[in-house]
Amino acid sequence: MKENKVERIKSEKDGLDVWKDIERYAQTGFEAIDADDMDRFRWYGLYTQRPVEEGRFMLRIKVPNGIINADQLETIGWLSQFYARSSGDITTRQGIQLHHVRIEDVPHLINELKKVGLTTQEACGDVVRNVVGCPLAGIDDNELIDSSHLVNQVVEKFIDNRDFSNLPRKFKISITGCDHQCAQHEINDVGLVSIINEEGEVGFDLWVGGGLGARPYFAQRLGVFVWYDEVVEVITRVVEIFRDHGYRDDRRKARLKFLVADWGAERFREELEARLGYKLDDAPQAEIPDIQRRDHIGIYEQRQHGLHYIGVAVLRGRISGEQMVSVVGLARRYASGRIRLTNQQNLIVLDVPEENVEILRDELALLDLDCDASPFRRGTVSCTGRQFCKLAVVETKQRAEEIILHLEKAIPDFRDDIRISVTGCVNSCAQYQIADIGLVGVKGQENGEEVDYFQIHLGGHLGRDAAFGKKLSRRVRVEETKFYIERVVRAYRLQRFEGEKFYQYIARQELRALETIDEPLRLEVVGV
């Protein structure tokens, strides 16, 4: 096997061993950093950001299951203000990213995070990434089981574990006990979803091999019933299979999804059971919920009597250091200080007594964190974009904000669920393939000049009859995209059947009709 550059770098020095180098570079400065060590920095959550000439980094903080307390979020908020120009992005894996970070400040930042129980270790790199779950674990009265403790056990299993610090590529895990499957098991390398067997006992349904990127795959169901006490061991064996059989020679095919696609579910189950040393129980076929909205935005009762949670939309997932600290102050004053982050880049304040609900709602709204947000604000996610990311070819955060504000003004009475993804490249950090309207940044030429476009994908969704969005040949200039989406949404409102969701409307359209879905409506919908 011909060893590629990344495999060489990992074989010469484990990514976990770069910490002493980070401390040394904090003294010697950015210019002294060895190129191979720069790649190993990912094992501590560090990526160089655009423009590289400034010598600044993105620092990703892991928040397992999106569960974060007041001290932790407050620490991130203050560190953001002092060391990261008050930057903050909530990710689609329930973490937080800071920008503008200097190498000189990295050891101090990481040590301060460690004091409050947070880490950046293995937030990036060819390792097990942040483990995601339902942000309402232990809160939602309808969940089958609180899986947050399992998430913590899985995190402890893999963190700083050199048996798993050199995987073929990144590895993503989702564990949820909720009944609406909000943790997106379909697009994770391993997805565990709570299920009830024929005896009425609760366990987990196991899915493997999901992932997006340039070549997306939905996870395959193995048909096994995993007991609570088996979860950590089963996941460990799955990661071992990936470590030992993943395609290391070609990073474009190094994710687990390609191995599962080649092997199939039956062979993968056989290999898993061989490593476990016993047969797993068969699982009954679980009902897949037909739930498009998985964002937890709004005010709802908790299972804890007399308490509520308030889920608020964070405009395009970007939250400043000042906002973080202010949210913490409100959560301490009017609730318990417990906060959750969602994979829709939003946040939730827990444990709000009835008498404090109204005032906390209003105080959060003053921070531009609205629990009664428009479907465009609550349903739009965006990646880091060209402002910071070296892979992105277009800006996303600014464009997402433009789209949201335009749609809120142009169609203020639209209240149906709709998910919009604004993604800077084909790597799908903002999950464009599973959005109702997915926008992917591409480059083009007009009159000999380079132009920024969005490639259009329509009708993606998870849940029942999950499907990736239909890729259109059509591209739209980035500055025109907000008008394009407005016309598409208006077309949906005029032409849909009663009760029809957006993805269902798209599914019954021919591709040829979708290419011009907005054009016949330009005159027809004026004034609507």
Protein backbone atom coordinates (compact mmCIF):
# COMPACT_ATOMS: atom_id res chain seq x y z
CA MET A 1 0.00 0.00 0.00
CA LYS A 2 1.33 3.42 -0.95
CA GLU A 3 1.31 5.60 2.15
CA ASN A 4 -0.30 8.99 1.63
CA LYS A 5 0.95 12.16 3.27
CA VAL A 6 -1.48 12.11 6.21
CA GLU A 7 -0.75 8.46 7.00
CA ARG A 8 2.97 9.25 6.96
CA ILE A 9 2.50 12.16 9.34
CA LYS A 10 0.48 10.01 11.73
CA SER A 11 2.94 7.11 11.62
CA GLU A 12 5.90 9.37 12.42
CA LYS A 13 4.23 10.98 15.44
CA ASP A 14 0.87 10.33 17.05
CA GLY A 15 -1.39 13.36 16.98
CA LEU A 16 -1.77 13.17 20.74
CA ASP A 17 1.98 13.74 21.08
CA VAL A 18 1.84 17.22 19.57
CA TRP A 19 0.83 18.91 22.83
CA LYS A 20 4.42 19.56 23.94
CA ASP A 21 5.07 21.05 20.50
CA ILE A 22 2.05 23.35 20.90
CA GLU A 23 3.51 24.58 24.18
CA ARG A 24 6.86 25.14 22.48
CA TYR A 25 5.36 26.96 19.50
CA ALA A 26 3.46 29.19 21.92
CA GLN A 27 6.90 30.50 22.86
CA THR A 28 8.52 30.54 19.42
CA GLY A 29 5.52 31.83 17.41
CA PHE A 30 3.56 30.93 14.27
CA GLU A 31 6.47 31.16 11.84
CA ALA A 32 8.34 28.40 13.68
CA ILE A 33 5.57 25.79 13.30
CA ASP A 34 6.55 22.69 11.33
CA ALA A 35 4.11 21.87 8.53
CA ASP A 36 3.57 18.29 9.72
CA ASP A 37 2.90 19.45 13.27
CA MET A 38 0.39 21.93 11.86
CA ASP A 39 -1.61 18.94 10.59
CA ARG A 40 -1.26 17.20 13.96
CA PHE A 41 -2.70 20.29 15.69
CA ARG A 42 -6.12 18.95 14.68
CA TRP A 43 -5.88 16.37 17.46
CA TYR A 44 -6.22 19.36 19.82
CA GLY A 45 -9.03 21.05 17.89
CA LEU A 46 -6.87 23.52 15.95
CA TYR A 47 -7.13 24.44 12.28
CA THR A 48 -5.39 27.32 10.58
CA GLN A 49 -7.94 29.79 9.32
CA ARG A 50 -8.17 32.08 6.35
CA PRO A 51 -6.19 34.24 5.65
CA VAL A 52 -3.28 31.97 6.54
CA GLU A 53 -0.89 34.93 6.42
CA GLU A 54 -2.40 36.27 9.64
CA GLY A 55 -1.25 33.17 11.50
CA ARG A 56 -4.56 32.65 13.33
CA PHE A 57 -6.45 29.48 14.21
CA MET A 58 -9.95 28.12 14.65
CA LEU A 59 -10.28 26.31 17.99
CA ARG A 60 -13.06 23.72 18.29
CA ILE A 61 -14.43 22.89 21.75
CA LYS A 62 -16.16 19.56 22.32
CA VAL A 63 -19.51 19.57 24.12
CA PRO A 64 -20.71 15.94 24.32
CA ASN A 65 -24.46 15.65 23.77
CA GLY A 66 -24.57 19.47 23.70
CA ILE A 67 -24.75 19.49 27.51
CA ILE A 68 -23.05 22.57 28.93
CA ASN A 69 -23.34 24.31 32.28
CA ALA A 70 -23.19 27.98 33.20
CA ASP A 71 -19.54 27.97 34.29
CA GLN A 72 -18.49 26.29 31.06
CA LEU A 73 -20.36 28.59 28.70
CA GLU A 74 -19.31 31.63 30.70
CA THR A 75 -15.67 30.55 30.45
CA ILE A 76 -15.98 30.15 26.68
CA GLY A 77 -17.66 33.56 26.47
CA TRP A 78 -14.90 35.35 28.39
CA LEU A 79 -12.13 33.53 26.52
CA SER A 80 -13.83 34.44 23.27
CA GLN A 81 -13.88 38.12 24.20
CA PHE A 82 -10.26 38.26 25.38
CA TYR A 83 -8.54 35.90 22.94
CA ALA A 84 -10.84 35.33 19.92
CA ARG A 85 -12.28 38.75 19.00
CA SER A 86 -15.58 37.69 20.61
CA SER A 87 -16.17 35.02 17.96
CA GLY A 88 -18.31 31.94 18.45
CA ASP A 89 -20.01 29.44 16.15
CA ILE A 90 -22.30 26.65 17.36
CA THR A 91 -21.63 23.62 15.18
CA THR A 92 -23.93 20.96 13.74
CA ARG A 93 -22.24 18.55 16.18
CA GLN A 94 -23.26 20.55 19.26
CA GLY A 95 -19.84 22.08 19.87
CA ILE A 96 -18.51 25.65 19.79
CA GLN A 97 -15.78 27.04 17.57
CA LEU A 98 -13.71 30.14 18.27
CA HIS A 99 -11.79 32.08 15.63
CA HIS A 100 -8.81 34.46 15.44
CA VAL A 101 -6.90 32.42 18.03
CA ARG A 102 -3.11 32.96 18.26
CA ILE A 103 -0.76 30.03 18.86
CA GLU A 104 0.72 32.02 21.74
CA ASP A 105 -2.62 31.83 23.58
CA VAL A 106 -3.55 28.21 22.85
CA PRO A 107 -2.04 26.56 25.99
CA HIS A 108 -3.73 29.12 28.24
CA LEU A 109 -7.07 28.72 26.46
CA ILE A 110 -7.01 24.94 26.66
CA ASN A 111 -5.94 24.96 30.30
CA GLU A 112 -8.72 27.38 31.22
CA LEU A 113 -11.25 25.17 29.45
CA LYS A 114 -9.88 22.15 31.28
CA LYS A 115 -10.56 23.83 34.63
CA VAL A 116 -14.30 23.79 33.89
CA GLY A 117 -14.35 20.28 32.45
CA LEU A 118 -14.12 21.10 28.75
CA THR A 119 -11.61 19.94 26.17
CA THR A 120 -10.60 20.54 22.57
CA GLN A 121 -8.73 17.24 22.42
CA GLU A 122 -9.82 15.10 19.48
CA ALA A 123 -12.38 17.66 18.36
CA CYS A 124 -10.66 17.32 14.98
CA GLY A 125 -8.34 14.78 13.36
CA ASP A 126 -8.65 11.10 12.48
CA VAL A 127 -10.28 10.16 15.77
CA VAL A 128 -13.67 9.73 17.40
CA ARG A 129 -15.17 13.23 17.26
CA ASN A 130 -17.68 14.90 19.58
CA VAL A 131 -20.44 12.40 20.41
CA VAL A 132 -23.87 13.86 19.75
CA GLY A 133 -27.27 13.13 21.23
CA CYS A 134 -30.68 14.60 21.90
CA PRO A 135 -30.20 17.97 23.65
CA LEU A 136 -33.24 17.17 25.80
CA ALA A 137 -31.78 13.99 27.26
CA GLY A 138 -33.20 13.65 30.75
CA ILE A 139 -35.62 16.52 30.10
CA ASP A 140 -38.12 15.31 27.49
CA ASP A 141 -40.96 13.38 29.10
CA ASN A 142 -41.49 11.40 25.90
CA GLU A 143 -37.98 9.96 25.58
CA LEU A 144 -37.64 6.20 25.97
CA ILE A 145 -34.36 6.43 27.89
CA ASP A 146 -31.90 9.08 29.03
CA SER A 147 -28.82 8.29 26.94
CA SER A 148 -26.61 11.16 28.16
CA HIS A 149 -24.75 8.91 30.60
CA LEU A 150 -23.95 6.54 27.75
CA VAL A 151 -22.59 9.43 25.73
CA ASN A 152 -20.23 10.27 28.58
CA GLN A 153 -19.11 6.65 28.86
CA VAL A 154 -18.33 6.53 25.15
CA VAL A 155 -16.42 9.80 25.35
CA GLU A 156 -14.34 8.46 28.26
CA LYS A 157 -13.62 5.28 26.33
CA PHE A 158 -12.00 7.03 23.40
CA ILE A 159 -10.54 10.27 24.75
CA ASP A 160 -6.74 10.12 25.01
CA ASN A 161 -6.87 6.43 24.04
CA ARG A 162 -3.90 5.60 21.83
CA ASP A 163 -5.56 2.42 20.58
CA PHE A 164 -7.90 4.72 18.65
CA SER A 165 -5.87 7.90 18.07
CA ASN A 166 -4.95 6.94 14.51
CA LEU A 167 -8.09 6.01 12.57
CA PRO A 168 -8.28 6.08 8.76
CA ARG A 169 -10.44 9.22 8.93
CA LYS A 170 -12.75 11.02 11.36
CA PHE A 171 -15.42 8.96 13.13
CA LYS A 172 -18.80 10.31 14.21
CA ILE A 173 -21.16 8.79 16.78
CA SER A 174 -24.79 9.58 17.60
CA ILE A 175 -26.69 8.14 20.57
CA THR A 176 -30.27 9.12 21.34
CA GLY A 177 -33.06 7.92 23.57
CA CYS A 178 -35.70 10.31 22.25
CA ASP A 179 -38.69 9.24 20.23
CA HIS A 180 -38.24 11.68 17.35
CA GLN A 181 -34.62 10.74 16.57
CA CYS A 182 -33.24 14.28 16.53
CA ALA A 183 -29.59 13.19 16.78
CA GLN A 184 -29.42 12.33 13.06
CA HIS A 185 -28.28 8.71 13.33
CA GLU A 186 -28.81 8.37 9.58
CA ILE A 187 -25.71 10.45 8.76
CA ASN A 188 -23.30 9.22 11.44
CA ASP A 189 -20.68 6.48 11.25
CA VAL A 190 -22.49 4.86 14.18
CA GLY A 191 -26.03 5.73 15.15
CA LEU A 192 -27.86 4.26 18.14
CA VAL A 193 -31.59 4.92 18.44
CA SER A 194 -33.73 3.84 21.37
CA ILE A 195 -36.11 1.00 20.61
CA ILE A 196 -38.52 -1.30 22.48
CA ASN A 197 -38.36 -5.07 21.95
CA GLU A 198 -41.25 -7.49 21.96
CA GLU A 199 -41.06 -7.85 25.75
CA GLY A 200 -41.39 -4.10 26.20
CA GLU A 201 -37.74 -3.65 27.18
CA VAL A 202 -35.73 -0.63 26.03
CA GLY A 203 -32.50 -0.96 24.10
CA PHE A 204 -30.94 0.52 20.99
CA ASP A 205 -31.25 -0.01 17.26
CA LEU A 206 -27.79 0.02 15.61
CA TRP A 207 -27.02 1.81 12.35
CA VAL A 208 -23.58 2.08 10.72
CA GLY A 209 -21.93 3.75 7.76
CA GLY A 210 -23.71 7.06 7.42
CA GLY A 211 -21.99 10.25 6.32
CA LEU A 212 -22.35 13.24 4.02
CA GLY A 213 -19.50 15.00 2.17
CA ALA A 214 -19.03 14.88 -1.59
CA ARG A 215 -20.38 11.28 -1.70
CA PRO A 216 -23.19 10.92 0.84
CA TYR A 217 -24.53 7.66 2.26
CA PHE A 218 -27.31 6.95 4.69
CA ALA A 219 -26.39 4.56 7.51
CA GLN A 220 -27.43 0.94 7.15
CA ARG A 221 -29.47 -0.78 9.82
CA LEU A 222 -27.81 -3.93 11.18
CA GLY A 223 -31.03 -5.30 12.66
CA VAL A 224 -29.58 -5.88 16.14
CA PHE A 225 -30.94 -5.02 19.56
CA VAL A 226 -28.17 -3.50 21.69
CA TRP A 227 -28.74 -3.53 25.43
CA TYR A 228 -27.77 -0.48 27.48
CA ASP A 229 -24.83 -2.30 29.08
CA GLU A 230 -23.59 -3.45 25.65
CA VAL A 231 -23.41 -0.03 24.02
CA VAL A 232 -19.81 0.95 24.85
CA GLU A 233 -18.46 -2.47 23.91
CA VAL A 234 -20.41 -2.61 20.64
CA ILE A 235 -19.27 0.86 19.60
CA THR A 236 -15.68 -0.02 20.50
CA ARG A 237 -15.76 -3.06 18.24
CA VAL A 238 -17.25 -1.04 15.38
CA VAL A 239 -14.45 1.50 15.70
CA GLU A 240 -11.93 -1.37 15.75
CA ILE A 241 -13.35 -2.69 12.48
CA PHE A 242 -12.95 0.76 10.95
CA ARG A 243 -9.42 1.13 12.32
CA ASP A 244 -8.33 -2.25 10.98
CA HIS A 245 -10.19 -2.37 7.66
CA GLY A 246 -10.77 1.26 6.64
CA TYR A 247 -9.30 2.33 3.31
CA ARG A 248 -6.19 4.22 4.41
CA ASP A 249 -4.61 4.36 0.96
CA ASP A 250 -7.18 6.82 -0.41
CA ARG A 251 -8.51 9.52 1.92
CA ARG A 252 -11.38 10.17 -0.45
CA LYS A 253 -12.67 6.68 0.43
CA ALA A 254 -11.34 6.38 3.98
CA ARG A 255 -14.63 6.93 5.84
CA LEU A 256 -16.54 3.98 7.30
CA LYS A 257 -19.42 4.58 4.88
CA PHE A 258 -17.36 3.23 1.97
CA LEU A 259 -16.40 0.06 3.84
CA VAL A 260 -20.03 -0.57 4.85
CA ALA A 261 -21.19 0.08 1.29
CA ASP A 262 -18.71 -2.52 0.00
CA TRP A 263 -19.32 -5.12 2.71
CA GLY A 264 -23.04 -4.72 3.22
CA ALA A 265 -24.94 -4.90 6.52
CA GLU A 266 -24.87 -8.71 6.79
CA ARG A 267 -21.09 -9.07 6.51
CA PHE A 268 -20.52 -6.13 8.83
CA ARG A 269 -22.78 -7.70 11.46
CA GLU A 270 -20.88 -10.97 11.16
CA GLU A 271 -17.56 -9.22 11.70
CA LEU A 272 -18.96 -7.27 14.64
CA GLU A 273 -20.31 -10.39 16.34
CA ALA A 274 -17.03 -12.23 15.72
CA ARG A 275 -15.14 -9.50 17.54
CA LEU A 276 -17.69 -9.44 20.36
CA GLY A 277 -17.52 -13.22 20.71
CA TYR A 278 -21.29 -13.67 20.80
CA LYS A 279 -24.43 -13.15 18.73
CA LEU A 280 -26.38 -9.97 19.20
CA ASP A 281 -30.13 -10.16 19.68
CA ASP A 282 -32.28 -9.43 16.67
CA ALA A 283 -34.14 -6.14 16.80
CA PRO A 284 -37.77 -5.61 15.84
CA GLN A 285 -38.42 -3.21 13.00
CA ALA A 286 -38.84 0.20 14.61
CA GLU A 287 -41.29 2.78 13.40
CA ILE A 288 -39.50 5.72 11.81
CA PRO A 289 -41.06 9.03 12.81
CA ASP A 290 -42.32 11.40 10.16
CA ILE A 291 -40.98 14.45 11.93
CA GLN A 292 -39.23 17.15 9.96
CA ARG A 293 -38.78 19.67 12.76
CA ARG A 294 -36.10 18.49 15.17
CA ASP A 295 -34.89 21.84 16.49
CA HIS A 296 -36.56 22.09 19.96
CA ILE A 297 -37.26 25.81 19.51
CA GLY A 298 -40.03 27.22 21.71
CA ILE A 299 -41.30 26.93 25.28
CA TYR A 300 -42.20 23.48 26.55
CA GLU A 301 -42.81 21.64 29.84
CA GLN A 302 -40.06 19.40 31.16
CA ARG A 303 -40.53 16.03 32.79
CA GLN A 304 -39.50 17.78 36.03
CA HIS A 305 -42.75 19.12 37.51
CA GLY A 306 -43.21 22.86 37.32
CA LEU A 307 -40.19 23.49 35.07
CA HIS A 308 -39.93 24.49 31.43
CA TYR A 309 -37.25 24.77 28.81
CA ILE A 310 -36.89 27.62 26.35
CA GLY A 311 -35.25 26.85 23.02
CA VAL A 312 -34.06 29.88 21.06
CA ALA A 313 -32.83 30.36 17.51
CA VAL A 314 -29.27 31.64 17.10
CA LEU A 315 -29.04 33.69 13.91
CA ARG A 316 -27.06 31.54 11.44
CA GLY A 317 -25.41 29.73 14.36
CA ARG A 318 -23.06 32.59 15.26
CA ILE A 319 -22.98 33.68 18.88
CA SER A 320 -20.65 36.32 20.29
CA GLY A 321 -18.71 36.11 23.52
CA GLU A 322 -20.94 38.85 24.96
CA GLN A 323 -24.06 36.89 24.08
CA MET A 324 -22.68 33.76 25.73
CA VAL A 325 -21.94 35.57 28.99
CA SER A 326 -25.33 37.31 28.92
CA VAL A 327 -27.17 34.02 28.36
CA VAL A 328 -25.34 32.54 31.34
CA GLY A 329 -26.38 35.46 33.53
CA LEU A 330 -30.02 35.02 32.55
CA ALA A 331 -29.88 31.24 33.00
CA ARG A 332 -28.50 31.68 36.50
CA ARG A 333 -30.98 34.39 37.44
CA TYR A 334 -34.17 32.86 36.08
CA ALA A 335 -33.33 29.13 35.90
CA SER A 336 -30.76 26.59 37.11
CA GLY A 337 -27.89 27.60 34.82
CA ARG A 338 -28.16 24.45 32.71
CA ILE A 339 -27.93 25.01 28.94
CA ARG A 340 -27.95 22.73 25.90
CA LEU A 341 -26.64 23.18 22.35
CA THR A 342 -28.46 21.65 19.38
CA ASN A 343 -27.29 20.24 16.07
CA GLN A 344 -29.36 22.96 14.39
CA GLN A 345 -26.87 25.49 15.81
CA ASN A 346 -29.32 26.77 18.41
CA LEU A 347 -29.43 26.67 22.21
CA ILE A 348 -31.82 25.75 25.02
CA VAL A 349 -32.13 27.10 28.56
CA LEU A 350 -33.38 24.46 30.97
CA ASP A 351 -35.20 24.38 34.32
CA VAL A 352 -37.22 27.59 34.03
CA PRO A 353 -39.95 27.89 36.68
CA GLU A 354 -43.40 28.88 35.43
CA GLU A 355 -43.19 32.34 36.99
CA ASN A 356 -39.94 33.12 35.14
CA VAL A 357 -40.86 31.89 31.68
CA GLU A 358 -42.26 35.12 30.30
CA ILE A 359 -39.52 37.42 31.57
CA LEU A 360 -36.73 35.06 30.47
CA ARG A 361 -38.29 34.78 27.03
CA ASP A 362 -38.31 38.57 26.71
CA GLU A 363 -34.76 38.97 28.04
CA LEU A 364 -33.44 36.39 25.57
CA ALA A 365 -35.23 38.15 22.72
CA LEU A 366 -33.35 41.34 23.61
CA LEU A 367 -30.17 39.38 22.89
CA ASP A 368 -31.57 38.46 19.45
CA LEU A 369 -32.27 34.94 20.71
CA ASP A 370 -35.91 34.32 19.88
CA CYS A 371 -38.02 31.35 20.97
CA ASP A 372 -40.77 32.37 18.54
CA ALA A 373 -38.45 32.73 15.58
CA SER A 374 -39.50 32.53 11.97
CA PRO A 375 -39.11 29.14 10.26
CA PHE A 376 -36.31 30.68 8.21
CA ARG A 377 -34.32 31.73 11.26
CA ARG A 378 -34.88 28.52 13.19
CA GLY A 379 -34.35 26.31 10.17
CA THR A 380 -31.23 27.78 8.54
CA VAL A 381 -27.79 26.35 9.27
CA SER A 382 -24.50 27.49 7.80
CA CYS A 383 -20.90 26.36 7.88
CA THR A 384 -17.94 28.57 8.75
CA GLY A 385 -17.58 29.72 5.15
CA ARG A 386 -14.82 31.50 3.28
CA GLN A 387 -14.35 34.11 5.97
CA PHE A 388 -12.33 31.57 7.97
CA CYS A 389 -12.33 28.16 6.25
CA LYS A 390 -9.60 27.40 3.72
CA LEU A 391 -11.80 24.85 1.91
CA ALA A 392 -14.87 27.06 1.43
CA VAL A 393 -15.16 28.80 -1.93
CA VAL A 394 -17.93 31.26 -0.95
CA GLU A 395 -18.93 33.18 2.17
CA THR A 396 -21.79 31.57 4.11
CA LYS A 397 -22.54 33.24 7.45
CA GLN A 398 -23.15 36.63 5.85
CA ARG A 399 -25.19 35.10 3.03
CA ALA A 400 -27.26 33.05 5.48
CA GLU A 401 -28.10 36.18 7.44
CA GLU A 402 -29.08 38.00 4.25
CA ILE A 403 -31.34 35.11 3.23
CA ILE A 404 -33.02 34.90 6.64
CA LEU A 405 -33.67 38.64 6.99
CA HIS A 406 -34.95 38.93 3.43
CA LEU A 407 -37.35 36.01 3.76
CA GLU A 408 -38.65 37.25 7.11
CA LYS A 409 -39.49 40.58 5.49
CA ALA A 410 -40.74 39.24 2.16
CA ILE A 411 -42.90 36.36 3.49
CA PRO A 412 -43.63 37.27 7.12
CA ASP A 413 -46.69 35.01 7.41
CA PHE A 414 -44.92 31.80 6.34
CA ARG A 415 -44.98 29.43 9.35
CA ASP A 416 -44.32 25.99 7.87
CA ASP A 417 -41.21 23.99 8.65
CA ILE A 418 -38.37 24.51 6.22
CA ARG A 419 -34.67 23.79 6.56
CA ILE A 420 -32.13 25.78 4.56
CA SER A 421 -28.44 24.91 4.44
CA VAL A 422 -25.78 27.40 3.36
CA THR A 423 -22.58 25.47 2.72
CA GLY A 424 -19.27 26.81 1.44
CA CYS A 425 -18.05 23.66 -0.34
CA VAL A 426 -19.01 20.06 -1.13
CA ASN A 427 -17.77 18.76 2.24
CA SER A 428 -21.24 19.42 3.69
CA CYS A 429 -20.41 20.76 7.14
CA ALA A 430 -23.82 22.44 7.01
CA GLN A 431 -25.46 19.24 5.72
CA TYR A 432 -26.89 20.54 2.45
CA GLN A 433 -27.97 17.11 1.22
CA ILE A 434 -30.55 16.70 4.00
CA ALA A 435 -31.97 20.23 3.84
CA ASP A 436 -35.20 21.25 2.14
CA ILE A 437 -33.13 23.81 0.27
CA GLY A 438 -29.41 23.07 0.12
CA LEU A 439 -26.98 25.66 -1.19
CA VAL A 440 -23.42 24.63 -2.06
CA GLY A 441 -20.75 27.17 -2.90
CA VAL A 442 -19.15 26.80 -6.34
CA LYS A 443 -17.12 28.99 -8.65
CA GLY A 444 -18.08 30.00 -12.19
CA GLN A 445 -17.21 32.39 -14.99
CA GLU A 446 -19.19 35.27 -16.43
CA ASN A 447 -17.68 37.42 -19.15
CA GLY A 448 -14.24 36.10 -18.29
CA GLU A 449 -14.55 36.98 -14.59
CA GLU A 450 -14.79 34.60 -11.65
CA VAL A 451 -18.20 34.60 -9.96
CA ASP A 452 -19.51 33.05 -6.72
CA TYR A 453 -22.54 30.79 -7.15
CA PHE A 454 -24.66 28.45 -5.08
CA GLN A 455 -25.45 25.05 -6.57
CA ILE A 456 -29.06 24.18 -5.72
CA HIS A 457 -30.28 20.99 -4.03
CA LEU A 458 -33.98 20.58 -3.18
CA GLY A 459 -36.03 18.20 -1.06
CA GLY A 460 -33.54 16.55 1.28
CA HIS A 461 -34.81 15.24 4.63
CA LEU A 462 -34.33 12.67 7.38
CA GLY A 463 -36.89 10.48 9.10
CA ARG A 464 -39.46 8.46 7.19
CA ASP A 465 -38.54 7.95 3.52
CA ALA A 466 -35.26 9.82 4.10
CA ALA A 467 -33.73 11.16 0.91
CA PHE A 468 -30.91 13.36 -0.22
CA GLY A 469 -31.89 16.54 -2.00
CA LYS A 470 -32.24 16.56 -5.77
CA LYS A 471 -29.24 18.27 -7.34
CA LEU A 472 -30.26 20.75 -9.99
CA SER A 473 -28.08 21.79 -12.87
CA ARG A 474 -29.11 25.29 -11.95
CA ARG A 475 -26.72 27.62 -10.13
CA VAL A 476 -27.63 31.00 -8.68
CA ARG A 477 -25.31 33.93 -8.06
CA VAL A 478 -24.83 34.23 -4.31
CA GLU A 479 -26.25 37.74 -4.12
CA GLU A 480 -29.40 36.62 -5.98
CA THR A 481 -30.00 33.54 -3.84
CA LYS A 482 -32.36 35.19 -1.36
CA PHE A 483 -34.68 36.18 -4.21
CA TYR A 484 -34.49 32.69 -5.72
CA ILE A 485 -35.45 31.04 -2.42
CA GLU A 486 -38.30 33.50 -1.96
CA ARG A 487 -39.75 32.47 -5.33
CA VAL A 488 -39.32 28.77 -4.55
CA VAL A 489 -41.11 29.15 -1.20
CA ARG A 490 -43.92 31.09 -2.86
CA ALA A 491 -44.24 28.36 -5.49
CA TYR A 492 -44.53 25.77 -2.73
CA ARG A 493 -47.26 27.77 -0.99
CA LEU A 494 -49.29 28.13 -4.19
CA GLN A 495 -48.91 24.62 -5.59
CA ARG A 496 -48.73 22.27 -2.60
CA PHE A 497 -51.46 19.89 -1.57
CA GLU A 498 -53.15 20.38 1.78
CA GLY A 499 -50.81 19.36 4.59
CA GLU A 500 -47.99 18.64 2.16
CA LYS A 501 -44.47 19.22 3.47
CA PHE A 502 -41.82 20.88 1.38
CA TYR A 503 -39.84 17.71 0.69
CA GLN A 504 -43.04 15.90 -0.32
CA TYR A 505 -43.89 18.70 -2.72
CA ILE A 506 -40.42 18.48 -4.23
CA ALA A 507 -40.56 14.69 -4.47
CA ARG A 508 -43.56 14.74 -6.81
CA GLN A 509 -41.98 17.29 -9.15
CA GLU A 510 -40.04 16.25 -12.24
CA LEU A 511 -36.46 17.40 -12.33
CA ARG A 512 -37.19 19.44 -15.45
CA ALA A 513 -39.92 21.33 -13.62
CA LEU A 514 -37.67 21.97 -10.63
CA GLU A 515 -35.05 23.59 -12.84
CA THR A 516 -37.51 26.41 -13.57
CA ILE A 517 -39.69 26.15 -10.46
CA ASP A 518 -39.57 29.89 -9.79
CA GLU A 519 -39.72 31.32 -13.31
CA PRO A 520 -43.48 31.12 -14.11
CA LEU A 521 -44.26 32.79 -10.79
CA ARG A 522 -42.41 36.04 -11.24
CA LEU A 523 -45.52 37.89 -12.36
CA GLU A 524 -48.10 35.58 -10.83
CA VAL A 525 -47.00 36.07 -7.24
CA VAL A 526 -46.39 39.82 -7.25
CA GLY A 527 -48.04 41.22 -4.13
CA VAL A 528 -48.64 37.82 -2.55
